[in-house]
Each structure stands twice: as structure tokens, then as C-alpha cells.
Protein backbone atom coordinates (compact mmCIF):
# COMPACT_ATOMS: atom_id res chain seq x y z
CA UNK A 1 -3.08 11.83 22.28
CA UNK A 2 -2.90 13.67 19.76
CA UNK A 3 -6.91 14.49 19.70
CA UNK A 4 -7.33 15.75 16.24
CA UNK A 5 -10.86 14.28 16.32
CA UNK A 6 -11.69 15.88 19.84
CA UNK A 7 -15.38 12.99 19.92
CA UNK A 8 -14.21 10.27 17.55
CA UNK A 9 -10.86 8.38 19.76
CA UNK A 10 -10.67 5.81 17.45
CA UNK A 11 -10.44 8.34 14.36
CA UNK A 12 -8.45 10.49 16.49
CA UNK A 13 -6.25 7.36 17.07
CA UNK A 14 -5.82 6.79 13.67
CA UNK A 15 -4.54 9.57 12.24
CA UNK A 16 -1.75 9.77 14.75
CA UNK A 17 -0.79 5.90 12.80
CA UNK A 18 -1.06 7.56 9.58
CA UNK A 19 0.96 10.81 10.89
CA UNK A 20 3.71 8.43 11.51
CA UNK A 21 3.57 7.01 7.25
CA UNK A 22 2.48 10.04 5.56
CA UNK A 23 2.53 13.64 4.67
CA UNK A 24 0.49 16.43 7.52
CA UNK A 25 -0.84 17.93 4.59
CA UNK A 26 -1.98 15.41 3.53
CA UNK A 27 -3.73 14.03 6.01
CA UNK A 28 -5.26 17.31 6.79
CA UNK A 29 -7.01 17.72 3.84
CA UNK A 30 -8.88 14.38 3.93
CA UNK A 31 -9.25 15.12 7.81
CA UNK A 32 -10.79 18.63 7.62
CA UNK A 33 -13.57 17.73 5.73
CA UNK A 34 -15.02 14.85 8.16
CA UNK A 35 -14.54 16.94 11.37
CA UNK A 36 -18.66 17.84 10.96
CA UNK A 37 -19.36 13.73 11.23
CA UNK A 38 -17.27 12.35 13.84
CA UNK A 39 -20.39 12.28 15.89
CA UNK A 40 -22.59 10.61 13.59
CA UNK A 41 -24.06 7.81 13.67
CA UNK A 42 -21.44 4.47 12.30
CA UNK A 43 -23.09 4.19 9.14
CA UNK A 44 -23.23 8.09 7.80
CA UNK A 45 -19.76 8.60 9.99
CA UNK A 46 -17.75 5.06 9.09
CA UNK A 47 -19.18 5.59 5.29
CA UNK A 48 -17.17 9.10 4.64
CA UNK A 49 -14.26 8.20 6.72
CA UNK A 50 -14.06 5.34 4.10
CA UNK A 51 -14.25 7.93 0.88
CA UNK A 52 -12.17 11.07 1.83
CA UNK A 53 -9.19 7.98 3.16
CA UNK A 54 -9.54 6.13 -0.59
CA UNK A 55 -10.10 9.50 -2.49
CA UNK A 56 -6.41 10.43 -1.02
CA UNK A 57 -4.89 6.76 -2.29
CA UNK A 58 -6.82 7.16 -4.98
CA UNK A 59 -4.71 11.27 -5.68
CA UNK A 60 -2.08 9.40 -4.40
CA UNK A 61 -1.83 6.39 -6.70
CA UNK A 62 -2.77 8.16 -9.76
CA UNK A 63 1.02 10.99 -9.20
CA UNK A 64 2.71 7.65 -8.21
CA UNK A 65 1.38 6.93 -11.56
CA UNK A 66 2.43 10.79 -14.07
CA UNK A 67 6.08 9.92 -11.75
CA UNK A 68 6.69 6.62 -12.60
CA UNK A 69 5.61 7.49 -16.63
CA UNK A 70 8.07 10.15 -15.60
CA UNK A 71 11.45 8.33 -15.18
CA UNK A 72 10.85 9.21 -10.80
CA UNK A 73 10.66 6.17 -9.73
CA UNK A 74 11.57 6.80 -6.33
CA UNK A 75 9.29 9.63 -6.09
CA UNK A 76 6.28 7.83 -7.71
CA UNK A 77 7.00 4.68 -4.58
CA UNK A 78 6.73 7.05 -2.37
CA UNK A 79 3.25 8.06 -2.78
CA UNK A 80 2.63 4.22 -3.13
CA UNK A 81 3.93 3.53 0.11
CA UNK A 82 1.46 7.05 1.59
CA UNK A 83 -1.21 6.06 -0.99
CA UNK A 84 -1.34 2.44 1.11
CA UNK A 85 -1.52 3.36 4.11
CA UNK A 86 -3.70 6.01 2.98
CA UNK A 87 -5.92 2.53 2.24
CA UNK A 88 -4.99 0.83 5.32
CA UNK A 89 -6.29 3.75 7.37
CA UNK A 90 -9.89 4.55 5.99
CA UNK A 91 -10.41 0.59 5.05
CA UNK A 92 -8.91 -0.15 9.58
CA UNK A 93 -12.51 1.46 10.61
CA UNK A 94 -14.73 -0.43 8.90
CA UNK A 95 -14.50 -3.50 10.68
């Protein structure tokens, strides 16, 4: 399995799932800042994890709104789909 986070199997597994639903460069932008937190206590690590993925979902959602306003419905739909996947990745490890 691809190990984006060398010390955190759960996070690497989530990244592997996300790559099937999203864009690699977006996923890397969300995950690269998380590397220093992969072995931190859960309350710190999971907060950072959630915030990073949530911010990426928010970014894509805002882009989708702008695309839809310009009549680019297909492009907006694809961005909403990726945003939903990113929100899901942020929440899936919170349990």
C-alpha cells in the first residue's frame, strides 16, 4: 500500500481512498502540512487532520459555486463531488 504518512497507517489509507475520488495535487496540498502531526497525540493530530480536509472541501465548494454562477454546471458538479469526498476524508477518522 502507498504510505503517504510513514508513521500513520490510518491516514495513509484515507489518502489512498481519496486519490480514487480526487485530484492528487489537491490531496497533497491538504496532506503535506499534516506530516509533522502524524505521530502527535490524537486530540492534536485529528484536529489538524479535520481542519486541513475541511479547508480543502470549502475551497472546492467555493470554486463550484463560482463555476455554477458562470453556467459551468459540469465543472461545478465535479468540484462539488471532490469537495464531498474531501469532507468525508476529514470526518472519517474522527470516530
